[in-house]
Amino acid sequence: MYDIPAVAFFDVDGTLIWHDPDANAAQNVAHAQVTPGVKRAFERLHARGNLSFICTGRPRNLINQGLLDLNPTGLITSSGACLFLEGRKVFERTIDLDLLHATVDWLMGEGIEVLFEGTDCSAALLPNGGVYTDIPGALSVHSWEELCAATDLRFSKFSYAGDMIERVEQMGEPLRSHYTFYNLGLGAGEAGPVGIDKAFGISKALEQLNHSTKNTYAFGDSENDLPMLRAVETSIAMGNAMDVVKAQADYVTDSAAHDGVATGLAHFGLI
């Protein structure tokens, strides 16, 4: 038994929140909510003196009120690129401007649509025209010039879906060497700068807490959670997780559809 509080890190999509497999990924991000069972589990986790971090690929601007109502100790957003501790932004890493410009030029040339995600705003690059409507509040831009005019260019990652997945992942060198690509499942993917991942965010959080990796836990379901699972003492995969995630985990809990977070917390005596 440890004499230090446990610190638990939770992915959001497919972990804290169950996604309707018949809805597209963006609609799930925009509208899916935590269940009463997950909320009760967080209340019990905190009542026992333990700490919690939401550790998600979502940028801060897509953390909805239902997630904030869980009262986490902190937020690790944009797949490890940004850390908020007790409401204060501790650090943020963004894509280098020259790299961002080169990436946009390549995407424009290939006619590939992606969503650039930052702490304060998200912007859909639509080389082929049109308006992005999947996530409320996301801007629609059609060129580098429009992106510069409409945003502060502080983006930490970009996501993509559907038939864009294979096309994005065919990005050639030297651009490709600057990014890590992840399959998120349910027809979605994301890319962020090499070295900036959920493990990086967790290391920064534990540093702020002056807490070692002892008595730390992580819950996840998809490829971008693999670094997170390797960064803690005990890793938990959701019942709906990808096989590669289950293979790495110390324990497989119930699916997100059946409040697997609560089951996992109870299994390890954290609630």
C-alpha atoms as a PDB file:
ATOM      1  CA  MET A   1       0.000   0.000   0.000  1.00  0.00           C
ATOM      2  CA  TYR A   2       1.379   3.372  -1.007  1.00  0.00           C
ATOM      3  CA  ASP A   3       1.462   6.346   1.350  1.00  0.00           C
ATOM      4  CA  ILE A   4       1.146   8.766  -1.568  1.00  0.00           C
ATOM      5  CA  PRO A   5      -2.038   9.594  -3.471  1.00  0.00           C
ATOM      6  CA  ALA A   6      -2.758   7.769  -6.681  1.00  0.00           C
ATOM      7  CA  VAL A   7      -2.691   9.790  -9.886  1.00  0.00           C
ATOM      8  CA  ALA A   8      -4.965   8.495 -12.629  1.00  0.00           C
ATOM      9  CA  PHE A   9      -4.890   9.663 -16.254  1.00  0.00           C
ATOM     10  CA  PHE A  10      -7.930   9.217 -18.478  1.00  0.00           C
ATOM     11  CA  ASP A  11      -8.337   9.395 -22.221  1.00  0.00           C
ATOM     12  CA  VAL A  12     -11.695  10.861 -23.263  1.00  0.00           C
ATOM     13  CA  ASP A  13     -13.043   9.473 -26.512  1.00  0.00           C
ATOM     14  CA  GLY A  14     -13.696   5.768 -26.210  1.00  0.00           C
ATOM     15  CA  THR A  15     -12.671   5.824 -22.539  1.00  0.00           C
ATOM     16  CA  LEU A  16     -14.538   8.372 -20.425  1.00  0.00           C
ATOM     17  CA  ILE A  17     -17.069   8.764 -23.220  1.00  0.00           C
ATOM     18  CA  TRP A  18     -18.645   6.024 -25.289  1.00  0.00           C
ATOM     19  CA  HIS A  19     -19.008   6.783 -28.989  1.00  0.00           C
ATOM     20  CA  ASP A  20     -21.935   5.807 -31.123  1.00  0.00           C
ATOM     21  CA  PRO A  21     -20.334   3.655 -33.852  1.00  0.00           C
ATOM     22  CA  ASP A  22     -23.000   4.830 -36.305  1.00  0.00           C
ATOM     23  CA  ALA A  23     -22.069   8.513 -35.887  1.00  0.00           C
ATOM     24  CA  ASN A  24     -19.016  10.115 -37.491  1.00  0.00           C
ATOM     25  CA  ALA A  25     -16.002  10.863 -35.315  1.00  0.00           C
ATOM     26  CA  ALA A  26     -16.467  14.630 -35.322  1.00  0.00           C
ATOM     27  CA  GLN A  27     -20.106  14.407 -34.255  1.00  0.00           C
ATOM     28  CA  ASN A  28     -19.126  12.112 -31.397  1.00  0.00           C
ATOM     29  CA  VAL A  29     -16.487  14.601 -30.245  1.00  0.00           C
ATOM     30  CA  ALA A  30     -18.986  17.437 -30.416  1.00  0.00           C
ATOM     31  CA  HIS A  31     -21.915  15.816 -28.647  1.00  0.00           C
ATOM     32  CA  ALA A  32     -21.031  12.699 -26.601  1.00  0.00           C
ATOM     33  CA  GLN A  33     -21.203  13.108 -22.800  1.00  0.00           C
ATOM     34  CA  VAL A  34     -19.971  11.311 -19.694  1.00  0.00           C
ATOM     35  CA  THR A  35     -22.441   9.037 -17.904  1.00  0.00           C
ATOM     36  CA  PRO A  36     -23.655   9.402 -14.303  1.00  0.00           C
ATOM     37  CA  GLY A  37     -21.632   6.271 -13.476  1.00  0.00           C
ATOM     38  CA  VAL A  38     -18.384   7.877 -14.609  1.00  0.00           C
ATOM     39  CA  LYS A  39     -19.201  11.054 -12.693  1.00  0.00           C
ATOM     40  CA  ARG A  40     -19.822   9.070  -9.492  1.00  0.00           C
ATOM     41  CA  ALA A  41     -16.538   7.213  -9.986  1.00  0.00           C
ATOM     42  CA  PHE A  42     -14.625  10.501 -10.172  1.00  0.00           C
ATOM     43  CA  GLU A  43     -16.356  11.765  -7.034  1.00  0.00           C
ATOM     44  CA  ARG A  44     -15.324   8.636  -5.156  1.00  0.00           C
ATOM     45  CA  LEU A  45     -11.788   8.781  -6.572  1.00  0.00           C
ATOM     46  CA  HIS A  46     -11.359  12.328  -5.276  1.00  0.00           C
ATOM     47  CA  ALA A  47     -13.080  11.619  -1.946  1.00  0.00           C
ATOM     48  CA  ARG A  48     -10.305   9.105  -1.225  1.00  0.00           C
ATOM     49  CA  GLY A  49      -7.655  11.749  -1.797  1.00  0.00           C
ATOM     50  CA  ASN A  50      -6.581  10.596  -5.241  1.00  0.00           C
ATOM     51  CA  LEU A  51      -5.822  12.860  -8.192  1.00  0.00           C
ATOM     52  CA  SER A  52      -7.159  12.762 -11.732  1.00  0.00           C
ATOM     53  CA  PHE A  53      -6.073  14.126 -15.089  1.00  0.00           C
ATOM     54  CA  ILE A  54      -8.020  14.127 -18.301  1.00  0.00           C
ATOM     55  CA  CYS A  55      -5.366  13.172 -20.886  1.00  0.00           C
ATOM     56  CA  THR A  56      -6.890  13.601 -24.300  1.00  0.00           C
ATOM     57  CA  GLY A  57      -6.213  14.273 -27.933  1.00  0.00           C
ATOM     58  CA  ARG A  58      -8.842  16.987 -27.780  1.00  0.00           C
ATOM     59  CA  PRO A  59      -7.579  20.571 -27.601  1.00  0.00           C
ATOM     60  CA  ARG A  60      -8.760  22.693 -24.681  1.00  0.00           C
ATOM     61  CA  ASN A  61     -11.464  24.352 -26.788  1.00  0.00           C
ATOM     62  CA  LEU A  62     -13.143  20.953 -27.294  1.00  0.00           C
ATOM     63  CA  ILE A  63     -13.247  19.998 -23.601  1.00  0.00           C
ATOM     64  CA  ASN A  64     -16.951  20.317 -22.931  1.00  0.00           C
ATOM     65  CA  GLN A  65     -18.587  21.294 -19.660  1.00  0.00           C
ATOM     66  CA  GLY A  66     -19.554  17.711 -18.880  1.00  0.00           C
ATOM     67  CA  LEU A  67     -15.868  16.783 -18.747  1.00  0.00           C
ATOM     68  CA  LEU A  68     -14.979  19.855 -16.685  1.00  0.00           C
ATOM     69  CA  ASP A  69     -17.757  18.920 -14.254  1.00  0.00           C
ATOM     70  CA  LEU A  70     -15.720  15.841 -13.338  1.00  0.00           C
ATOM     71  CA  ASN A  71     -13.463  18.359 -11.511  1.00  0.00           C
ATOM     72  CA  PRO A  72     -10.181  16.820 -12.615  1.00  0.00           C
ATOM     73  CA  THR A  73      -6.961  17.939 -10.957  1.00  0.00           C
ATOM     74  CA  GLY A  74      -5.665  18.897 -14.374  1.00  0.00           C
ATOM     75  CA  LEU A  75      -6.015  18.623 -18.129  1.00  0.00           C
ATOM     76  CA  ILE A  76      -3.446  17.260 -20.571  1.00  0.00           C
ATOM     77  CA  THR A  77      -4.776  18.288 -23.956  1.00  0.00           C
ATOM     78  CA  SER A  78      -3.849  18.077 -27.645  1.00  0.00           C
ATOM     79  CA  SER A  79      -2.241  14.654 -27.117  1.00  0.00           C
ATOM     80  CA  GLY A  80       0.275  15.885 -24.562  1.00  0.00           C
ATOM     81  CA  ALA A  81       1.054  19.300 -26.047  1.00  0.00           C
ATOM     82  CA  CYS A  82      -0.615  21.365 -23.354  1.00  0.00           C
ATOM     83  CA  LEU A  83      -0.977  21.045 -19.567  1.00  0.00           C
ATOM     84  CA  PHE A  84      -3.498  22.788 -17.333  1.00  0.00           C
ATOM     85  CA  LEU A  85      -3.162  22.315 -13.596  1.00  0.00           C
ATOM     86  CA  GLU A  86      -6.015  23.483 -11.368  1.00  0.00           C
ATOM     87  CA  GLY A  87      -7.202  25.793 -14.154  1.00  0.00           C
ATOM     88  CA  ARG A  88      -3.787  27.349 -14.910  1.00  0.00           C
ATOM     89  CA  LYS A  89      -1.988  26.725 -18.198  1.00  0.00           C
ATOM     90  CA  VAL A  90       1.449  25.390 -17.255  1.00  0.00           C
ATOM     91  CA  PHE A  91       2.895  24.845 -20.720  1.00  0.00           C
ATOM     92  CA  GLU A  92       1.953  24.578 -24.373  1.00  0.00           C
ATOM     93  CA  ARG A  93       3.826  23.234 -27.389  1.00  0.00           C
ATOM     94  CA  THR A  94       2.741  24.203 -30.898  1.00  0.00           C
ATOM     95  CA  ILE A  95       3.777  23.234 -34.423  1.00  0.00           C
ATOM     96  CA  ASP A  96       6.725  25.294 -35.633  1.00  0.00           C
ATOM     97  CA  LEU A  97       5.476  27.976 -38.043  1.00  0.00           C
ATOM     98  CA  ASP A  98       7.771  26.953 -40.910  1.00  0.00           C
ATOM     99  CA  LEU A  99       6.668  23.340 -40.520  1.00  0.00           C
ATOM    100  CA  LEU A 100       3.021  24.400 -40.323  1.00  0.00           C
ATOM    101  CA  HIS A 101       3.350  26.441 -43.517  1.00  0.00           C
ATOM    102  CA  ALA A 102       5.057  23.578 -45.362  1.00  0.00           C
ATOM    103  CA  THR A 103       2.396  21.149 -44.131  1.00  0.00           C
ATOM    104  CA  VAL A 104      -0.436  23.380 -45.305  1.00  0.00           C
ATOM    105  CA  ASP A 105       1.239  23.773 -48.714  1.00  0.00           C
ATOM    106  CA  TRP A 106       1.469  19.971 -49.077  1.00  0.00           C
ATOM    107  CA  LEU A 107      -2.125  19.423 -47.951  1.00  0.00           C
ATOM    108  CA  MET A 108      -3.359  22.108 -50.343  1.00  0.00           C
ATOM    109  CA  GLY A 109      -1.443  20.540 -53.221  1.00  0.00           C
ATOM    110  CA  GLU A 110      -2.925  17.115 -52.480  1.00  0.00           C
ATOM    111  CA  GLY A 111      -6.457  18.416 -51.878  1.00  0.00           C
ATOM    112  CA  ILE A 112      -6.511  16.856 -48.395  1.00  0.00           C
ATOM    113  CA  GLU A 113      -8.866  18.169 -45.721  1.00  0.00           C
ATOM    114  CA  VAL A 114      -7.730  18.222 -42.084  1.00  0.00           C
ATOM    115  CA  LEU A 115      -8.710  19.920 -38.853  1.00  0.00           C
ATOM    116  CA  PHE A 116      -5.899  21.926 -37.235  1.00  0.00           C
ATOM    117  CA  GLU A 117      -6.404  21.945 -33.473  1.00  0.00           C
ATOM    118  CA  GLY A 118      -5.122  24.473 -30.949  1.00  0.00           C
ATOM    119  CA  THR A 119      -5.858  25.427 -27.369  1.00  0.00           C
ATOM    120  CA  ASP A 120      -8.020  28.396 -28.292  1.00  0.00           C
ATOM    121  CA  CYS A 121      -9.402  27.502 -31.710  1.00  0.00           C
ATOM    122  CA  SER A 122      -9.716  24.784 -34.318  1.00  0.00           C
ATOM    123  CA  ALA A 123      -9.694  25.429 -38.056  1.00  0.00           C
ATOM    124  CA  ALA A 124     -10.628  23.083 -40.883  1.00  0.00           C
ATOM    125  CA  LEU A 125      -8.432  23.410 -43.954  1.00  0.00           C
ATOM    126  CA  LEU A 126     -10.710  22.768 -46.939  1.00  0.00           C
ATOM    127  CA  PRO A 127      -8.635  22.977 -50.144  1.00  0.00           C
ATOM    128  CA  ASN A 128     -11.631  21.915 -52.218  1.00  0.00           C
ATOM    129  CA  GLY A 129     -13.999  24.578 -50.870  1.00  0.00           C
ATOM    130  CA  GLY A 130     -17.053  24.230 -48.672  1.00  0.00           C
ATOM    131  CA  VAL A 131     -17.866  24.869 -45.030  1.00  0.00           C
ATOM    132  CA  TYR A 132     -16.924  22.636 -42.095  1.00  0.00           C
ATOM    133  CA  THR A 133     -19.916  21.908 -39.866  1.00  0.00           C
ATOM    134  CA  ASP A 134     -19.080  18.740 -37.924  1.00  0.00           C
ATOM    135  CA  ILE A 135     -17.702  20.452 -34.803  1.00  0.00           C
ATOM    136  CA  PRO A 136     -19.465  23.633 -33.660  1.00  0.00           C
ATOM    137  CA  GLY A 137     -17.153  26.620 -33.481  1.00  0.00           C
ATOM    138  CA  ALA A 138     -14.461  25.268 -35.808  1.00  0.00           C
ATOM    139  CA  LEU A 139     -13.468  27.735 -38.514  1.00  0.00           C
ATOM    140  CA  SER A 140     -13.372  26.946 -42.233  1.00  0.00           C
ATOM    141  CA  VAL A 141     -10.363  28.140 -44.250  1.00  0.00           C
ATOM    142  CA  HIS A 142      -9.309  27.422 -47.809  1.00  0.00           C
ATOM    143  CA  SER A 143      -5.683  28.572 -47.995  1.00  0.00           C
ATOM    144  CA  TRP A 144      -2.594  29.435 -45.939  1.00  0.00           C
ATOM    145  CA  GLU A 145      -3.499  33.096 -46.261  1.00  0.00           C
ATOM    146  CA  GLU A 146      -6.967  32.525 -44.800  1.00  0.00           C
ATOM    147  CA  LEU A 147      -5.506  30.453 -41.976  1.00  0.00           C
ATOM    148  CA  CYS A 148      -3.110  33.304 -41.143  1.00  0.00           C
ATOM    149  CA  ALA A 149      -5.879  35.893 -41.243  1.00  0.00           C
ATOM    150  CA  ALA A 150      -8.398  33.933 -39.179  1.00  0.00           C
ATOM    151  CA  THR A 151      -6.194  32.392 -36.449  1.00  0.00           C
ATOM    152  CA  ASP A 152      -3.079  32.929 -34.341  1.00  0.00           C
ATOM    153  CA  LEU A 153      -1.486  29.833 -35.985  1.00  0.00           C
ATOM    154  CA  ARG A 154      -0.930  28.229 -32.563  1.00  0.00           C
ATOM    155  CA  PHE A 155      -1.861  24.657 -33.454  1.00  0.00           C
ATOM    156  CA  SER A 156      -0.519  21.576 -31.688  1.00  0.00           C
ATOM    157  CA  LYS A 157      -1.790  18.837 -34.009  1.00  0.00           C
ATOM    158  CA  PHE A 158      -4.143  18.044 -36.853  1.00  0.00           C
ATOM    159  CA  SER A 159      -6.786  15.365 -37.283  1.00  0.00           C
ATOM    160  CA  TYR A 160      -8.411  13.770 -40.290  1.00  0.00           C
ATOM    161  CA  ALA A 161     -11.092  11.236 -41.077  1.00  0.00           C
ATOM    162  CA  GLY A 162     -12.612   8.926 -43.652  1.00  0.00           C
ATOM    163  CA  ASP A 163     -10.850   8.663 -46.985  1.00  0.00           C
ATOM    164  CA  MET A 164      -8.346  11.320 -45.888  1.00  0.00           C
ATOM    165  CA  ILE A 165      -6.629   8.878 -43.507  1.00  0.00           C
ATOM    166  CA  GLU A 166      -4.699   6.883 -46.104  1.00  0.00           C
ATOM    167  CA  ARG A 167      -3.871  10.009 -48.099  1.00  0.00           C
ATOM    168  CA  VAL A 168      -2.467  11.887 -45.081  1.00  0.00           C
ATOM    169  CA  GLU A 169      -0.375   8.929 -44.026  1.00  0.00           C
ATOM    170  CA  GLN A 170       1.235   8.857 -47.482  1.00  0.00           C
ATOM    171  CA  MET A 171       2.944  12.155 -46.647  1.00  0.00           C
ATOM    172  CA  GLY A 172       6.509  11.935 -47.897  1.00  0.00           C
ATOM    173  CA  GLU A 173       9.833  13.050 -46.500  1.00  0.00           C
ATOM    174  CA  PRO A 174      11.026  15.394 -45.188  1.00  0.00           C
ATOM    175  CA  LEU A 175       7.631  16.428 -43.795  1.00  0.00           C
ATOM    176  CA  ARG A 176       6.760  12.961 -42.565  1.00  0.00           C
ATOM    177  CA  SER A 177       9.795  12.778 -40.292  1.00  0.00           C
ATOM    178  CA  HIS A 178       8.442  15.690 -38.235  1.00  0.00           C
ATOM    179  CA  TYR A 179       5.164  13.989 -37.285  1.00  0.00           C
ATOM    180  CA  THR A 180       3.884  10.925 -35.467  1.00  0.00           C
ATOM    181  CA  PHE A 181       0.683   9.496 -36.957  1.00  0.00           C
ATOM    182  CA  TYR A 182      -1.951   7.677 -34.927  1.00  0.00           C
ATOM    183  CA  ASN A 183      -4.993   5.591 -35.831  1.00  0.00           C
ATOM    184  CA  LEU A 184      -7.757   6.620 -33.430  1.00  0.00           C
ATOM    185  CA  GLY A 185     -10.251   4.021 -34.609  1.00  0.00           C
ATOM    186  CA  LEU A 186     -13.805   4.650 -35.805  1.00  0.00           C
ATOM    187  CA  GLY A 187     -12.491   6.180 -39.015  1.00  0.00           C
ATOM    188  CA  ALA A 188     -10.292   8.916 -37.558  1.00  0.00           C
ATOM    189  CA  GLY A 189      -6.582   9.693 -37.267  1.00  0.00           C
ATOM    190  CA  GLU A 190      -4.312  12.427 -35.957  1.00  0.00           C
ATOM    191  CA  ALA A 191      -0.756  13.684 -36.325  1.00  0.00           C
ATOM    192  CA  GLY A 192       1.394  15.708 -33.952  1.00  0.00           C
ATOM    193  CA  PRO A 193       5.042  16.733 -33.720  1.00  0.00           C
ATOM    194  CA  VAL A 194       7.506  13.954 -32.957  1.00  0.00           C
ATOM    195  CA  GLY A 195       8.267  13.766 -29.240  1.00  0.00           C
ATOM    196  CA  ILE A 196       5.074  15.505 -28.145  1.00  0.00           C
ATOM    197  CA  ASP A 197       2.684  12.805 -26.979  1.00  0.00           C
ATOM    198  CA  LYS A 198       0.623  11.839 -23.968  1.00  0.00           C
ATOM    199  CA  ALA A 199       3.689  10.441 -22.189  1.00  0.00           C
ATOM    200  CA  PHE A 200       5.345  13.845 -22.542  1.00  0.00           C
ATOM    201  CA  GLY A 201       2.286  15.515 -21.023  1.00  0.00           C
ATOM    202  CA  ILE A 202       2.182  13.018 -18.148  1.00  0.00           C
ATOM    203  CA  SER A 203       5.863  13.592 -17.373  1.00  0.00           C
ATOM    204  CA  LYS A 204       5.207  17.335 -17.145  1.00  0.00           C
ATOM    205  CA  ALA A 205       2.187  16.785 -14.897  1.00  0.00           C
ATOM    206  CA  LEU A 206       4.063  14.498 -12.504  1.00  0.00           C
ATOM    207  CA  GLU A 207       6.948  16.975 -12.441  1.00  0.00           C
ATOM    208  CA  GLN A 208       4.555  19.730 -11.376  1.00  0.00           C
ATOM    209  CA  LEU A 209       3.125  17.495  -8.650  1.00  0.00           C
ATOM    210  CA  ASN A 210       6.587  16.326  -7.529  1.00  0.00           C
ATOM    211  CA  HIS A 211       5.151  12.809  -7.883  1.00  0.00           C
ATOM    212  CA  SER A 212       7.020   9.776  -9.188  1.00  0.00           C
ATOM    213  CA  THR A 213       5.471   7.157 -11.457  1.00  0.00           C
ATOM    214  CA  LYS A 214       4.665   5.036  -8.406  1.00  0.00           C
ATOM    215  CA  ASN A 215       0.932   4.641  -7.833  1.00  0.00           C
ATOM    216  CA  THR A 216       0.034   6.054 -11.250  1.00  0.00           C
ATOM    217  CA  TYR A 217      -2.615   4.651 -13.587  1.00  0.00           C
ATOM    218  CA  ALA A 218      -3.779   5.319 -17.129  1.00  0.00           C
ATOM    219  CA  PHE A 219      -6.929   4.347 -19.023  1.00  0.00           C
ATOM    220  CA  GLY A 220      -7.068   4.342 -22.831  1.00  0.00           C
ATOM    221  CA  ASP A 221      -8.361   2.684 -25.969  1.00  0.00           C
ATOM    222  CA  SER A 222      -6.507   3.791 -29.121  1.00  0.00           C
ATOM    223  CA  GLU A 223      -3.036   4.183 -30.622  1.00  0.00           C
ATOM    224  CA  ASN A 224      -2.377   7.672 -29.290  1.00  0.00           C
ATOM    225  CA  ASP A 225      -2.856   6.219 -25.786  1.00  0.00           C
ATOM    226  CA  LEU A 226       0.078   3.813 -26.129  1.00  0.00           C
ATOM    227  CA  PRO A 227       2.689   6.348 -24.964  1.00  0.00           C
ATOM    228  CA  MET A 228       0.443   7.202 -22.008  1.00  0.00           C
ATOM    229  CA  LEU A 229       0.130   3.558 -20.976  1.00  0.00           C
ATOM    230  CA  ARG A 230       3.907   3.180 -21.061  1.00  0.00           C
ATOM    231  CA  ALA A 231       4.386   6.291 -18.906  1.00  0.00           C
ATOM    232  CA  VAL A 232       2.606   5.013 -15.777  1.00  0.00           C
ATOM    233  CA  GLU A 233       2.992   2.171 -13.332  1.00  0.00           C
ATOM    234  CA  THR A 234      -0.320   0.473 -14.128  1.00  0.00           C
ATOM    235  CA  SER A 235      -1.993   0.586 -17.542  1.00  0.00           C
ATOM    236  CA  ILE A 236      -5.659  -0.193 -18.177  1.00  0.00           C
ATOM    237  CA  ALA A 237      -7.231  -0.802 -21.576  1.00  0.00           C
ATOM    238  CA  MET A 238     -10.929  -0.365 -22.161  1.00  0.00           C
ATOM    239  CA  GLY A 239     -12.938  -3.376 -23.262  1.00  0.00           C
ATOM    240  CA  ASN A 240     -13.546  -1.587 -26.579  1.00  0.00           C
ATOM    241  CA  ALA A 241      -9.831  -0.785 -27.042  1.00  0.00           C
ATOM    242  CA  MET A 242      -7.817  -1.681 -30.120  1.00  0.00           C
ATOM    243  CA  ASP A 243      -6.079  -5.033 -29.863  1.00  0.00           C
ATOM    244  CA  VAL A 244      -2.648  -3.370 -29.817  1.00  0.00           C
ATOM    245  CA  VAL A 245      -3.717  -1.380 -26.739  1.00  0.00           C
ATOM    246  CA  LYS A 246      -5.110  -4.425 -24.944  1.00  0.00           C
ATOM    247  CA  ALA A 247      -1.879  -6.301 -25.646  1.00  0.00           C
ATOM    248  CA  GLN A 248       0.172  -3.640 -23.879  1.00  0.00           C
ATOM    249  CA  ALA A 249      -2.118  -3.092 -20.896  1.00  0.00           C
ATOM    250  CA  ASP A 250      -1.746  -4.612 -17.448  1.00  0.00           C
ATOM    251  CA  TYR A 251      -5.517  -4.982 -17.154  1.00  0.00           C
ATOM    252  CA  VAL A 252      -8.503  -4.879 -19.514  1.00  0.00           C
ATOM    253  CA  THR A 253     -11.650  -3.412 -17.999  1.00  0.00           C
ATOM    254  CA  ASP A 254     -15.226  -3.195 -19.285  1.00  0.00           C
ATOM    255  CA  SER A 255     -16.026  -1.133 -22.365  1.00  0.00           C
ATOM    256  CA  ALA A 256     -16.745   2.570 -22.197  1.00  0.00           C
ATOM    257  CA  ALA A 257     -20.373   1.700 -22.985  1.00  0.00           C
ATOM    258  CA  HIS A 258     -20.527  -0.106 -19.632  1.00  0.00           C
ATOM    259  CA  ASP A 259     -18.620   2.436 -17.508  1.00  0.00           C
ATOM    260  CA  GLY A 260     -15.345   0.540 -17.736  1.00  0.00           C
ATOM    261  CA  VAL A 261     -13.506   3.404 -16.041  1.00  0.00           C
ATOM    262  CA  ALA A 262     -15.516   2.796 -12.869  1.00  0.00           C
ATOM    263  CA  THR A 263     -14.876  -0.955 -13.067  1.00  0.00           C
ATOM    264  CA  GLY A 264     -11.147  -0.419 -13.479  1.00  0.00           C
ATOM    265  CA  LEU A 265     -10.899   2.068 -10.621  1.00  0.00           C
ATOM    266  CA  ALA A 266     -12.750  -0.338  -8.356  1.00  0.00           C
ATOM    267  CA  HIS A 267     -10.548  -3.260  -9.422  1.00  0.00           C
ATOM    268  CA  PHE A 268      -7.442  -1.424  -8.236  1.00  0.00           C
ATOM    269  CA  GLY A 269      -9.062  -0.181  -5.032  1.00  0.00           C
ATOM    270  CA  LEU A 270      -9.027   3.474  -6.057  1.00  0.00           C
ATOM    271  CA  ILE A 271     -12.729   4.009  -5.353  1.00  0.00           C
END
